[in-house]
Amino acid sequence: MVDPAPSTPPPEERTVIDAVADLLQTIVDWLRQEGEAFIQQKVILPVQRLGLTLFSAGAAATLLAVGVIFISIASLLLLAEWLTWPGALYLMGGLLVVGAAIFTYFKARMIQK
């Protein structure tokens, strides 16, 4: 004998506990979403901007250092024709040491203020 109609499962009844559980899950999902948005806006984006700023400053400092090296070498070659090599080395080294001392002096004064 063949069953004429397939039996359908009885409809699920929602209890108060299920409704409360759904409500709590909705609240947790909302809090998680708001927390992610807050962290993204207040923490991650400023840290990304800081990272890009530091990277850009590092790249600029590297390019500046390479430029100063090339200018120093060109000046050294030019001075070597006029003062001989030992005189050119003394002059360039002395200028770089005096420049570093002046920079250090002013930087130390700024830090003390």
PDB file of N, CA and C in Angstrom:
ATOM      1  N   MET A   1       0.809  -1.157   0.000  1.00  0.00           N
ATOM      2  CA  MET A   1       0.000   0.000   0.000  1.00  0.00           C
ATOM      3  C   MET A   1       0.879   1.256   0.000  1.00  0.00           C
ATOM      4  N   VAL A   2       0.524   2.233  -0.816  1.00  0.00           N
ATOM      5  CA  VAL A   2       1.304   3.449  -0.996  1.00  0.00           C
ATOM      6  C   VAL A   2       0.634   4.579  -0.236  1.00  0.00           C
ATOM      7  N   ASP A   3       1.470   5.342   0.422  1.00  0.00           N
ATOM      8  CA  ASP A   3       0.963   6.488   1.184  1.00  0.00           C
ATOM      9  C   ASP A   3       0.562   7.582   0.206  1.00  0.00           C
ATOM     10  N   PRO A   4      -0.713   8.005   0.169  1.00  0.00           N
ATOM     11  CA  PRO A   4      -1.157   8.932  -0.862  1.00  0.00           C
ATOM     12  C   PRO A   4      -0.513  10.323  -0.772  1.00  0.00           C
ATOM     13  N   ALA A   5      -0.235  10.841   0.363  1.00  0.00           N
ATOM     14  CA  ALA A   5       0.344  12.178   0.493  1.00  0.00           C
ATOM     15  C   ALA A   5       1.489  12.118   1.487  1.00  0.00           C
ATOM     16  N   PRO A   6       2.587  12.704   1.114  1.00  0.00           N
ATOM     17  CA  PRO A   6       3.697  12.699   2.083  1.00  0.00           C
ATOM     18  C   PRO A   6       3.325  13.529   3.299  1.00  0.00           C
ATOM     19  N   SER A   7       3.778  13.060   4.426  1.00  0.00           N
ATOM     20  CA  SER A   7       3.435  13.765   5.663  1.00  0.00           C
ATOM     21  C   SER A   7       4.356  14.972   5.827  1.00  0.00           C
ATOM     22  N   THR A   8       3.801  16.092   6.221  1.00  0.00           N
ATOM     23  CA  THR A   8       4.576  17.305   6.446  1.00  0.00           C
ATOM     24  C   THR A   8       4.876  17.409   7.923  1.00  0.00           C
ATOM     25  N   PRO A   9       6.078  17.904   8.222  1.00  0.00           N
ATOM     26  CA  PRO A   9       6.412  18.030   9.638  1.00  0.00           C
ATOM     27  C   PRO A   9       5.556  19.109  10.272  1.00  0.00           C
ATOM     28  N   PRO A  10       5.279  18.979  11.544  1.00  0.00           N
ATOM     29  CA  PRO A  10       4.470  19.986  12.218  1.00  0.00           C
ATOM     30  C   PRO A  10       5.232  21.310  12.277  1.00  0.00           C
ATOM     31  N   PRO A  11       4.551  22.431  12.195  1.00  0.00           N
ATOM     32  CA  PRO A  11       5.239  23.729  12.251  1.00  0.00           C
ATOM     33  C   PRO A  11       5.909  23.912  13.612  1.00  0.00           C
ATOM     34  N   GLU A  12       7.084  24.541  13.537  1.00  0.00           N
ATOM     35  CA  GLU A  12       7.815  24.764  14.790  1.00  0.00           C
ATOM     36  C   GLU A  12       7.153  25.892  15.564  1.00  0.00           C
ATOM     37  N   GLU A  13       7.053  25.691  16.819  1.00  0.00           N
ATOM     38  CA  GLU A  13       6.485  26.729  17.659  1.00  0.00           C
ATOM     39  C   GLU A  13       7.622  27.515  18.286  1.00  0.00           C
ATOM     40  N   ARG A  14       7.510  28.800  18.204  1.00  0.00           N
ATOM     41  CA  ARG A  14       8.542  29.646  18.806  1.00  0.00           C
ATOM     42  C   ARG A  14       8.157  29.925  20.246  1.00  0.00           C
ATOM     43  N   THR A  15       9.120  29.729  21.078  1.00  0.00           N
ATOM     44  CA  THR A  15       8.871  29.983  22.491  1.00  0.00           C
ATOM     45  C   THR A  15       9.456  31.342  22.859  1.00  0.00           C
ATOM     46  N   VAL A  16       9.183  31.766  24.049  1.00  0.00           N
ATOM     47  CA  VAL A  16       9.721  33.030  24.547  1.00  0.00           C
ATOM     48  C   VAL A  16      11.238  32.948  24.631  1.00  0.00           C
ATOM     49  N   ILE A  17      11.740  31.793  24.989  1.00  0.00           N
ATOM     50  CA  ILE A  17      13.193  31.609  25.099  1.00  0.00           C
ATOM     51  C   ILE A  17      13.846  31.771  23.733  1.00  0.00           C
ATOM     52  N   ASP A  18      13.215  31.242  22.668  1.00  0.00           N
ATOM     53  CA  ASP A  18      13.761  31.416  21.326  1.00  0.00           C
ATOM     54  C   ASP A  18      13.760  32.887  20.917  1.00  0.00           C
ATOM     55  N   ALA A  19      12.689  33.583  21.243  1.00  0.00           N
ATOM     56  CA  ALA A  19      12.604  35.003  20.911  1.00  0.00           C
ATOM     57  C   ALA A  19      13.669  35.802  21.655  1.00  0.00           C
ATOM     58  N   VAL A  20      13.887  35.492  22.928  1.00  0.00           N
ATOM     59  CA  VAL A  20      14.922  36.176  23.714  1.00  0.00           C
ATOM     60  C   VAL A  20      16.296  35.852  23.150  1.00  0.00           C
ATOM     61  N   ALA A  21      16.522  34.599  22.769  1.00  0.00           N
ATOM     62  CA  ALA A  21      17.806  34.206  22.190  1.00  0.00           C
ATOM     63  C   ALA A  21      18.046  34.952  20.881  1.00  0.00           C
ATOM     64  N   ASP A  22      17.024  35.083  20.041  1.00  0.00           N
ATOM     65  CA  ASP A  22      17.159  35.841  18.803  1.00  0.00           C
ATOM     66  C   ASP A  22      17.452  37.312  19.078  1.00  0.00           C
ATOM     67  N   LEU A  23      16.778  37.862  20.060  1.00  0.00           N
ATOM     68  CA  LEU A  23      17.007  39.255  20.423  1.00  0.00           C
ATOM     69  C   LEU A  23      18.441  39.468  20.908  1.00  0.00           C
ATOM     70  N   LEU A  24      18.915  38.570  21.765  1.00  0.00           N
ATOM     71  CA  LEU A  24      20.290  38.667  22.261  1.00  0.00           C
ATOM     72  C   LEU A  24      21.295  38.528  21.113  1.00  0.00           C
ATOM     73  N   GLN A  25      21.027  37.625  20.179  1.00  0.00           N
ATOM     74  CA  GLN A  25      21.930  37.453  19.043  1.00  0.00           C
ATOM     75  C   GLN A  25      21.950  38.707  18.172  1.00  0.00           C
ATOM     76  N   THR A  26      20.796  39.322  17.995  1.00  0.00           N
ATOM     77  CA  THR A  26      20.722  40.562  17.232  1.00  0.00           C
ATOM     78  C   THR A  26      21.513  41.675  17.922  1.00  0.00           C
ATOM     79  N   ILE A  27      21.386  41.763  19.241  1.00  0.00           N
ATOM     80  CA  ILE A  27      22.132  42.778  20.003  1.00  0.00           C
ATOM     81  C   ILE A  27      23.634  42.531  19.891  1.00  0.00           C
ATOM     82  N   VAL A  28      24.056  41.281  20.014  1.00  0.00           N
ATOM     83  CA  VAL A  28      25.485  40.939  19.918  1.00  0.00           C
ATOM     84  C   VAL A  28      26.009  41.280  18.525  1.00  0.00           C
ATOM     85  N   ASP A  29      25.236  40.948  17.490  1.00  0.00           N
ATOM     86  CA  ASP A  29      25.659  41.271  16.128  1.00  0.00           C
ATOM     87  C   ASP A  29      25.781  42.778  15.925  1.00  0.00           C
ATOM     88  N   TRP A  30      24.802  43.530  16.445  1.00  0.00           N
ATOM     89  CA  TRP A  30      24.839  44.985  16.317  1.00  0.00           C
ATOM     90  C   TRP A  30      26.042  45.569  17.051  1.00  0.00           C
ATOM     91  N   LEU A  31      26.296  45.094  18.286  1.00  0.00           N
ATOM     92  CA  LEU A  31      27.451  45.591  19.049  1.00  0.00           C
ATOM     93  C   LEU A  31      28.760  45.260  18.338  1.00  0.00           C
ATOM     94  N   ARG A  32      28.851  44.074  17.767  1.00  0.00           N
ATOM     95  CA  ARG A  32      30.071  43.686  17.054  1.00  0.00           C
ATOM     96  C   ARG A  32      30.274  44.598  15.840  1.00  0.00           C
ATOM     97  N   GLN A  33      29.211  44.873  15.114  1.00  0.00           N
ATOM     98  CA  GLN A  33      29.296  45.742  13.946  1.00  0.00           C
ATOM     99  C   GLN A  33      29.697  47.158  14.350  1.00  0.00           C
ATOM    100  N   GLU A  34      29.084  47.695  15.380  1.00  0.00           N
ATOM    101  CA  GLU A  34      29.422  49.042  15.837  1.00  0.00           C
ATOM    102  C   GLU A  34      30.849  49.094  16.385  1.00  0.00           C
ATOM    103  N   GLY A  35      31.255  48.044  17.092  1.00  0.00           N
ATOM    104  CA  GLY A  35      32.627  47.999  17.610  1.00  0.00           C
ATOM    105  C   GLY A  35      33.646  47.972  16.491  1.00  0.00           C
ATOM    106  N   GLU A  36      33.387  47.187  15.455  1.00  0.00           N
ATOM    107  CA  GLU A  36      34.296  47.140  14.312  1.00  0.00           C
ATOM    108  C   GLU A  36      34.382  48.497  13.625  1.00  0.00           C
ATOM    109  N   ALA A  37      33.240  49.154  13.468  1.00  0.00           N
ATOM    110  CA  ALA A  37      33.240  50.478  12.825  1.00  0.00           C
ATOM    111  C   ALA A  37      34.010  51.489  13.674  1.00  0.00           C
ATOM    112  N   PHE A  38      33.822  51.439  14.985  1.00  0.00           N
ATOM    113  CA  PHE A  38      34.521  52.360  15.884  1.00  0.00           C
ATOM    114  C   PHE A  38      36.031  52.130  15.828  1.00  0.00           C
ATOM    115  N   ILE A  39      36.446  50.868  15.920  1.00  0.00           N
ATOM    116  CA  ILE A  39      37.879  50.539  15.876  1.00  0.00           C
ATOM    117  C   ILE A  39      38.464  50.938  14.525  1.00  0.00           C
ATOM    118  N   GLN A  40      37.727  50.686  13.455  1.00  0.00           N
ATOM    119  CA  GLN A  40      38.203  51.053  12.120  1.00  0.00           C
ATOM    120  C   GLN A  40      38.417  52.559  12.022  1.00  0.00           C
ATOM    121  N   GLN A  41      37.454  53.326  12.526  1.00  0.00           N
ATOM    122  CA  GLN A  41      37.516  54.775  12.387  1.00  0.00           C
ATOM    123  C   GLN A  41      38.498  55.415  13.356  1.00  0.00           C
ATOM    124  N   LYS A  42      38.530  54.962  14.599  1.00  0.00           N
ATOM    125  CA  LYS A  42      39.314  55.642  15.633  1.00  0.00           C
ATOM    126  C   LYS A  42      40.717  55.082  15.832  1.00  0.00           C
ATOM    127  N   VAL A  43      40.974  53.852  15.385  1.00  0.00           N
ATOM    128  CA  VAL A  43      42.286  53.258  15.633  1.00  0.00           C
ATOM    129  C   VAL A  43      43.010  52.925  14.332  1.00  0.00           C
ATOM    130  N   ILE A  44      42.383  52.145  13.482  1.00  0.00           N
ATOM    131  CA  ILE A  44      43.076  51.623  12.309  1.00  0.00           C
ATOM    132  C   ILE A  44      43.425  52.721  11.316  1.00  0.00           C
ATOM    133  N   LEU A  45      42.477  53.586  10.987  1.00  0.00           N
ATOM    134  CA  LEU A  45      42.762  54.647  10.016  1.00  0.00           C
ATOM    135  C   LEU A  45      43.847  55.613  10.486  1.00  0.00           C
ATOM    136  N   PRO A  46      43.830  56.077  11.759  1.00  0.00           N
ATOM    137  CA  PRO A  46      44.942  56.938  12.200  1.00  0.00           C
ATOM    138  C   PRO A  46      46.301  56.224  12.193  1.00  0.00           C
ATOM    139  N   VAL A  47      46.314  54.948  12.537  1.00  0.00           N
ATOM    140  CA  VAL A  47      47.582  54.209  12.518  1.00  0.00           C
ATOM    141  C   VAL A  47      48.071  54.053  11.082  1.00  0.00           C
ATOM    142  N   GLN A  48      47.159  53.821  10.143  1.00  0.00           N
ATOM    143  CA  GLN A  48      47.558  53.740   8.736  1.00  0.00           C
ATOM    144  C   GLN A  48      48.128  55.069   8.254  1.00  0.00           C
ATOM    145  N   ARG A  49      47.471  56.179   8.623  1.00  0.00           N
ATOM    146  CA  ARG A  49      47.985  57.492   8.232  1.00  0.00           C
ATOM    147  C   ARG A  49      49.365  57.748   8.839  1.00  0.00           C
ATOM    148  N   LEU A  50      49.536  57.354  10.103  1.00  0.00           N
ATOM    149  CA  LEU A  50      50.834  57.519  10.753  1.00  0.00           C
ATOM    150  C   LEU A  50      51.899  56.690  10.041  1.00  0.00           C
ATOM    151  N   GLY A  51      51.552  55.471   9.679  1.00  0.00           N
ATOM    152  CA  GLY A  51      52.504  54.617   8.961  1.00  0.00           C
ATOM    153  C   GLY A  51      52.908  55.213   7.629  1.00  0.00           C
ATOM    154  N   LEU A  52      51.944  55.734   6.884  1.00  0.00           N
ATOM    155  CA  LEU A  52      52.265  56.357   5.604  1.00  0.00           C
ATOM    156  C   LEU A  52      53.122  57.605   5.794  1.00  0.00           C
ATOM    157  N   THR A  53      52.830  58.372   6.834  1.00  0.00           N
ATOM    158  CA  THR A  53      53.622  59.569   7.107  1.00  0.00           C
ATOM    159  C   THR A  53      55.058  59.200   7.461  1.00  0.00           C
ATOM    160  N   LEU A  54      55.225  58.194   8.315  1.00  0.00           N
ATOM    161  CA  LEU A  54      56.575  57.772   8.700  1.00  0.00           C
ATOM    162  C   LEU A  54      57.334  57.202   7.502  1.00  0.00           C
ATOM    163  N   PHE A  55      56.644  56.433   6.669  1.00  0.00           N
ATOM    164  CA  PHE A  55      57.294  55.881   5.485  1.00  0.00           C
ATOM    165  C   PHE A  55      57.730  56.999   4.547  1.00  0.00           C
ATOM    166  N   SER A  56      56.864  57.978   4.342  1.00  0.00           N
ATOM    167  CA  SER A  56      57.194  59.103   3.465  1.00  0.00           C
ATOM    168  C   SER A  56      58.367  59.905   4.023  1.00  0.00           C
ATOM    169  N   ALA A  57      58.365  60.115   5.333  1.00  0.00           N
ATOM    170  CA  ALA A  57      59.472  60.849   5.957  1.00  0.00           C
ATOM    171  C   ALA A  57      60.785  60.068   5.821  1.00  0.00           C
ATOM    172  N   GLY A  58      60.714  58.758   5.985  1.00  0.00           N
ATOM    173  CA  GLY A  58      61.916  57.931   5.821  1.00  0.00           C
ATOM    174  C   GLY A  58      62.440  57.966   4.400  1.00  0.00           C
ATOM    175  N   ALA A  59      61.525  57.901   3.439  1.00  0.00           N
ATOM    176  CA  ALA A  59      61.938  57.969   2.037  1.00  0.00           C
ATOM    177  C   ALA A  59      62.556  59.329   1.723  1.00  0.00           C
ATOM    178  N   ALA A  60      61.948  60.407   2.232  1.00  0.00           N
ATOM    179  CA  ALA A  60      62.491  61.741   1.996  1.00  0.00           C
ATOM    180  C   ALA A  60      63.871  61.894   2.642  1.00  0.00           C
ATOM    181  N   ALA A  61      64.025  61.364   3.853  1.00  0.00           N
ATOM    182  CA  ALA A  61      65.326  61.454   4.531  1.00  0.00           C
ATOM    183  C   ALA A  61      66.395  60.660   3.775  1.00  0.00           C
ATOM    184  N   THR A  62      66.015  59.506   3.244  1.00  0.00           N
ATOM    185  CA  THR A  62      66.962  58.712   2.472  1.00  0.00           C
ATOM    186  C   THR A  62      67.388  59.450   1.214  1.00  0.00           C
ATOM    187  N   LEU A  63      66.426  60.026   0.498  1.00  0.00           N
ATOM    188  CA  LEU A  63      66.765  60.788  -0.708  1.00  0.00           C
ATOM    189  C   LEU A  63      67.630  61.999  -0.374  1.00  0.00           C
ATOM    190  N   LEU A  64      67.338  62.656   0.745  1.00  0.00           N
ATOM    191  CA  LEU A  64      68.152  63.792   1.163  1.00  0.00           C
ATOM    192  C   LEU A  64      69.582  63.357   1.465  1.00  0.00           C
ATOM    193  N   ALA A  65      69.735  62.241   2.156  1.00  0.00           N
ATOM    194  CA  ALA A  65      71.074  61.749   2.488  1.00  0.00           C
ATOM    195  C   ALA A  65      71.855  61.385   1.224  1.00  0.00           C
ATOM    196  N   VAL A  66      71.206  60.734   0.278  1.00  0.00           N
ATOM    197  CA  VAL A  66      71.877  60.382  -0.979  1.00  0.00           C
ATOM    198  C   VAL A  66      72.268  61.652  -1.731  1.00  0.00           C
ATOM    199  N   GLY A  67      71.392  62.657  -1.740  1.00  0.00           N
ATOM    200  CA  GLY A  67      71.716  63.925  -2.390  1.00  0.00           C
ATOM    201  C   GLY A  67      72.903  64.618  -1.744  1.00  0.00           C
ATOM    202  N   VAL A  68      72.938  64.621  -0.428  1.00  0.00           N
ATOM    203  CA  VAL A  68      74.064  65.238   0.285  1.00  0.00           C
ATOM    204  C   VAL A  68      75.361  64.481  -0.020  1.00  0.00           C
ATOM    205  N   ILE A  69      75.277  63.177  -0.108  1.00  0.00           N
ATOM    206  CA  ILE A  69      76.476  62.387  -0.441  1.00  0.00           C
ATOM    207  C   ILE A  69      76.981  62.757  -1.832  1.00  0.00           C
ATOM    208  N   PHE A  70      76.083  62.835  -2.815  1.00  0.00           N
ATOM    209  CA  PHE A  70      76.512  63.190  -4.174  1.00  0.00           C
ATOM    210  C   PHE A  70      77.090  64.598  -4.229  1.00  0.00           C
ATOM    211  N   ILE A  71      76.451  65.540  -3.539  1.00  0.00           N
ATOM    212  CA  ILE A  71      76.970  66.913  -3.508  1.00  0.00           C
ATOM    213  C   ILE A  71      78.339  66.941  -2.837  1.00  0.00           C
ATOM    214  N   SER A  72      78.511  66.171  -1.769  1.00  0.00           N
ATOM    215  CA  SER A  72      79.810  66.119  -1.082  1.00  0.00           C
ATOM    216  C   SER A  72      80.882  65.540  -1.985  1.00  0.00           C
ATOM    217  N   ILE A  73      80.546  64.494  -2.722  1.00  0.00           N
ATOM    218  CA  ILE A  73      81.535  63.890  -3.628  1.00  0.00           C
ATOM    219  C   ILE A  73      81.905  64.865  -4.744  1.00  0.00           C
ATOM    220  N   ALA A  74      80.889  65.540  -5.311  1.00  0.00           N
ATOM    221  CA  ALA A  74      81.183  66.510  -6.374  1.00  0.00           C
ATOM    222  C   ALA A  74      82.036  67.658  -5.839  1.00  0.00           C
ATOM    223  N   SER A  75      81.712  68.139  -4.645  1.00  0.00           N
ATOM    224  CA  SER A  75      82.508  69.212  -4.044  1.00  0.00           C
ATOM    225  C   SER A  75      83.922  68.740  -3.757  1.00  0.00           C
ATOM    226  N   LEU A  76      84.046  67.516  -3.305  1.00  0.00           N
ATOM    227  CA  LEU A  76      85.370  66.948  -3.017  1.00  0.00           C
ATOM    228  C   LEU A  76      86.213  66.878  -4.290  1.00  0.00           C
ATOM    229  N   LEU A  77      85.613  66.436  -5.384  1.00  0.00           N
ATOM    230  CA  LEU A  77      86.355  66.360  -6.643  1.00  0.00           C
ATOM    231  C   LEU A  77      86.761  67.750  -7.127  1.00  0.00           C
ATOM    232  N   LEU A  78      85.869  68.717  -6.972  1.00  0.00           N
ATOM    233  CA  LEU A  78      86.181  70.083  -7.391  1.00  0.00           C
ATOM    234  C   LEU A  78      87.284  70.683  -6.519  1.00  0.00           C
ATOM    235  N   LEU A  79      87.167  70.492  -5.210  1.00  0.00           N
ATOM    236  CA  LEU A  79      88.192  71.031  -4.303  1.00  0.00           C
ATOM    237  C   LEU A  79      89.533  70.319  -4.458  1.00  0.00           C
ATOM    238  N   ALA A  80      89.495  69.052  -4.838  1.00  0.00           N
ATOM    239  CA  ALA A  80      90.751  68.305  -5.001  1.00  0.00           C
ATOM    240  C   ALA A  80      91.596  68.909  -6.115  1.00  0.00           C
ATOM    241  N   GLU A  81      90.956  69.488  -7.124  1.00  0.00           N
ATOM    242  CA  GLU A  81      91.722  70.139  -8.193  1.00  0.00           C
ATOM    243  C   GLU A  81      92.388  71.420  -7.696  1.00  0.00           C
ATOM    244  N   TRP A  82      91.761  72.115  -6.749  1.00  0.00           N
ATOM    245  CA  TRP A  82      92.298  73.381  -6.266  1.00  0.00           C
ATOM    246  C   TRP A  82      93.221  73.215  -5.058  1.00  0.00           C
ATOM    247  N   LEU A  83      92.868  72.310  -4.118  1.00  0.00           N
ATOM    248  CA  LEU A  83      93.599  72.224  -2.850  1.00  0.00           C
ATOM    249  C   LEU A  83      94.421  70.954  -2.679  1.00  0.00           C
ATOM    250  N   THR A  84      94.454  70.099  -3.598  1.00  0.00           N
ATOM    251  CA  THR A  84      95.010  68.727  -3.530  1.00  0.00           C
ATOM    252  C   THR A  84      94.070  67.859  -2.695  1.00  0.00           C
ATOM    253  N   TRP A  85      94.263  66.561  -2.774  1.00  0.00           N
ATOM    254  CA  TRP A  85      93.351  65.624  -2.103  1.00  0.00           C
ATOM    255  C   TRP A  85      93.350  65.764  -0.584  1.00  0.00           C
ATOM    256  N   PRO A  86      94.512  65.811   0.077  1.00  0.00           N
ATOM    257  CA  PRO A  86      94.438  65.952   1.541  1.00  0.00           C
ATOM    258  C   PRO A  86      93.737  67.232   1.987  1.00  0.00           C
ATOM    259  N   GLY A  87      93.980  68.341   1.322  1.00  0.00           N
ATOM    260  CA  GLY A  87      93.323  69.597   1.688  1.00  0.00           C
ATOM    261  C   GLY A  87      91.821  69.532   1.463  1.00  0.00           C
ATOM    262  N   ALA A  88      91.405  68.922   0.368  1.00  0.00           N
ATOM    263  CA  ALA A  88      89.978  68.794   0.080  1.00  0.00           C
ATOM    264  C   ALA A  88      89.295  67.898   1.110  1.00  0.00           C
ATOM    265  N   LEU A  89      89.962  66.813   1.494  1.00  0.00           N
ATOM    266  CA  LEU A  89      89.377  65.914   2.507  1.00  0.00           C
ATOM    267  C   LEU A  89      89.258  66.607   3.855  1.00  0.00           C
ATOM    268  N   TYR A  90      90.296  67.357   4.256  1.00  0.00           N
ATOM    269  CA  TYR A  90      90.216  68.096   5.511  1.00  0.00           C
ATOM    270  C   TYR A  90      89.076  69.117   5.486  1.00  0.00           C
ATOM    271  N   LEU A  91      88.960  69.874   4.410  1.00  0.00           N
ATOM    272  CA  LEU A  91      87.932  70.894   4.317  1.00  0.00           C
ATOM    273  C   LEU A  91      86.531  70.281   4.343  1.00  0.00           C
ATOM    274  N   MET A  92      86.306  69.254   3.553  1.00  0.00           N
ATOM    275  CA  MET A  92      84.973  68.621   3.508  1.00  0.00           C
ATOM    276  C   MET A  92      84.636  67.962   4.845  1.00  0.00           C
ATOM    277  N   GLY A  93      85.584  67.250   5.410  1.00  0.00           N
ATOM    278  CA  GLY A  93      85.346  66.618   6.718  1.00  0.00           C
ATOM    279  C   GLY A  93      85.071  67.644   7.796  1.00  0.00           C
ATOM    280  N   GLY A  94      85.836  68.732   7.776  1.00  0.00           N
ATOM    281  CA  GLY A  94      85.622  69.790   8.765  1.00  0.00           C
ATOM    282  C   GLY A  94      84.253  70.441   8.615  1.00  0.00           C
ATOM    283  N   LEU A  95      83.850  70.705   7.386  1.00  0.00           N
ATOM    284  CA  LEU A  95      82.526  71.293   7.163  1.00  0.00           C
ATOM    285  C   LEU A  95      81.414  70.358   7.647  1.00  0.00           C
ATOM    286  N   LEU A  96      81.533  69.076   7.372  1.00  0.00           N
ATOM    287  CA  LEU A  96      80.505  68.128   7.803  1.00  0.00           C
ATOM    288  C   LEU A  96      80.461  68.003   9.332  1.00  0.00           C
ATOM    289  N   VAL A  97      81.627  68.023   9.978  1.00  0.00           N
ATOM    290  CA  VAL A  97      81.657  67.930  11.439  1.00  0.00           C
ATOM    291  C   VAL A  97      81.065  69.193  12.063  1.00  0.00           C
ATOM    292  N   VAL A  98      81.423  70.367  11.521  1.00  0.00           N
ATOM    293  CA  VAL A  98      80.867  71.623  12.041  1.00  0.00           C
ATOM    294  C   VAL A  98      79.351  71.660  11.825  1.00  0.00           C
ATOM    295  N   GLY A  99      78.883  71.224  10.670  1.00  0.00           N
ATOM    296  CA  GLY A  99      77.442  71.178  10.409  1.00  0.00           C
ATOM    297  C   GLY A  99      76.721  70.251  11.377  1.00  0.00           C
ATOM    298  N   ALA A 100      77.304  69.092  11.654  1.00  0.00           N
ATOM    299  CA  ALA A 100      76.697  68.156  12.609  1.00  0.00           C
ATOM    300  C   ALA A 100      76.686  68.750  14.012  1.00  0.00           C
ATOM    301  N   ALA A 101      77.740  69.453  14.398  1.00  0.00           N
ATOM    302  CA  ALA A 101      77.792  70.063  15.726  1.00  0.00           C
ATOM    303  C   ALA A 101      76.732  71.156  15.870  1.00  0.00           C
ATOM    304  N   ILE A 102      76.582  71.976  14.838  1.00  0.00           N
ATOM    305  CA  ILE A 102      75.563  73.036  14.891  1.00  0.00           C
ATOM    306  C   ILE A 102      74.171  72.427  14.983  1.00  0.00           C
ATOM    307  N   PHE A 103      73.913  71.412  14.178  1.00  0.00           N
ATOM    308  CA  PHE A 103      72.607  70.743  14.218  1.00  0.00           C
ATOM    309  C   PHE A 103      72.347  70.155  15.600  1.00  0.00           C
ATOM    310  N   THR A 104      73.333  69.493  16.173  1.00  0.00           N
ATOM    311  CA  THR A 104      73.172  68.887  17.501  1.00  0.00           C
ATOM    312  C   THR A 104      72.922  69.945  18.568  1.00  0.00           C
ATOM    313  N   TYR A 105      73.620  71.063  18.488  1.00  0.00           N
ATOM    314  CA  TYR A 105      73.443  72.136  19.462  1.00  0.00           C
ATOM    315  C   TYR A 105      72.004  72.666  19.431  1.00  0.00           C
ATOM    316  N   PHE A 106      71.513  72.998  18.243  1.00  0.00           N
ATOM    317  CA  PHE A 106      70.156  73.549  18.146  1.00  0.00           C
ATOM    318  C   PHE A 106      69.096  72.512  18.495  1.00  0.00           C
ATOM    319  N   LYS A 107      69.328  71.271  18.148  1.00  0.00           N
ATOM    320  CA  LYS A 107      68.362  70.214  18.499  1.00  0.00           C
ATOM    321  C   LYS A 107      68.310  70.036  20.014  1.00  0.00           C
ATOM    322  N   ALA A 108      69.440  70.067  20.686  1.00  0.00           N
ATOM    323  CA  ALA A 108      69.465  69.938  22.144  1.00  0.00           C
ATOM    324  C   ALA A 108      68.766  71.114  22.809  1.00  0.00           C
ATOM    325  N   ARG A 109      68.919  72.305  22.261  1.00  0.00           N
ATOM    326  CA  ARG A 109      68.222  73.475  22.824  1.00  0.00           C
ATOM    327  C   ARG A 109      66.714  73.363  22.642  1.00  0.00           C
ATOM    328  N   MET A 110      66.271  72.832  21.504  1.00  0.00           N
ATOM    329  CA  MET A 110      64.837  72.667  21.288  1.00  0.00           C
ATOM    330  C   MET A 110      64.239  71.630  22.237  1.00  0.00           C
ATOM    331  N   ILE A 111      64.998  70.596  22.530  1.00  0.00           N
ATOM    332  CA  ILE A 111      64.508  69.548  23.430  1.00  0.00           C
ATOM    333  C   ILE A 111      64.394  70.078  24.856  1.00  0.00           C
ATOM    334  N   GLN A 112      65.327  70.942  25.267  1.00  0.00           N
ATOM    335  CA  GLN A 112      65.309  71.480  26.629  1.00  0.00           C
ATOM    336  C   GLN A 112      64.127  72.407  26.863  1.00  0.00           C
ATOM    337  N   LYS A 113      63.604  73.048  25.828  1.00  0.00           N
ATOM    338  CA  LYS A 113      62.494  73.986  26.008  1.00  0.00           C
ATOM    339  C   LYS A 113      61.223  73.300  26.209  1.00  0.00           C
TER     340      LYS A 113
END
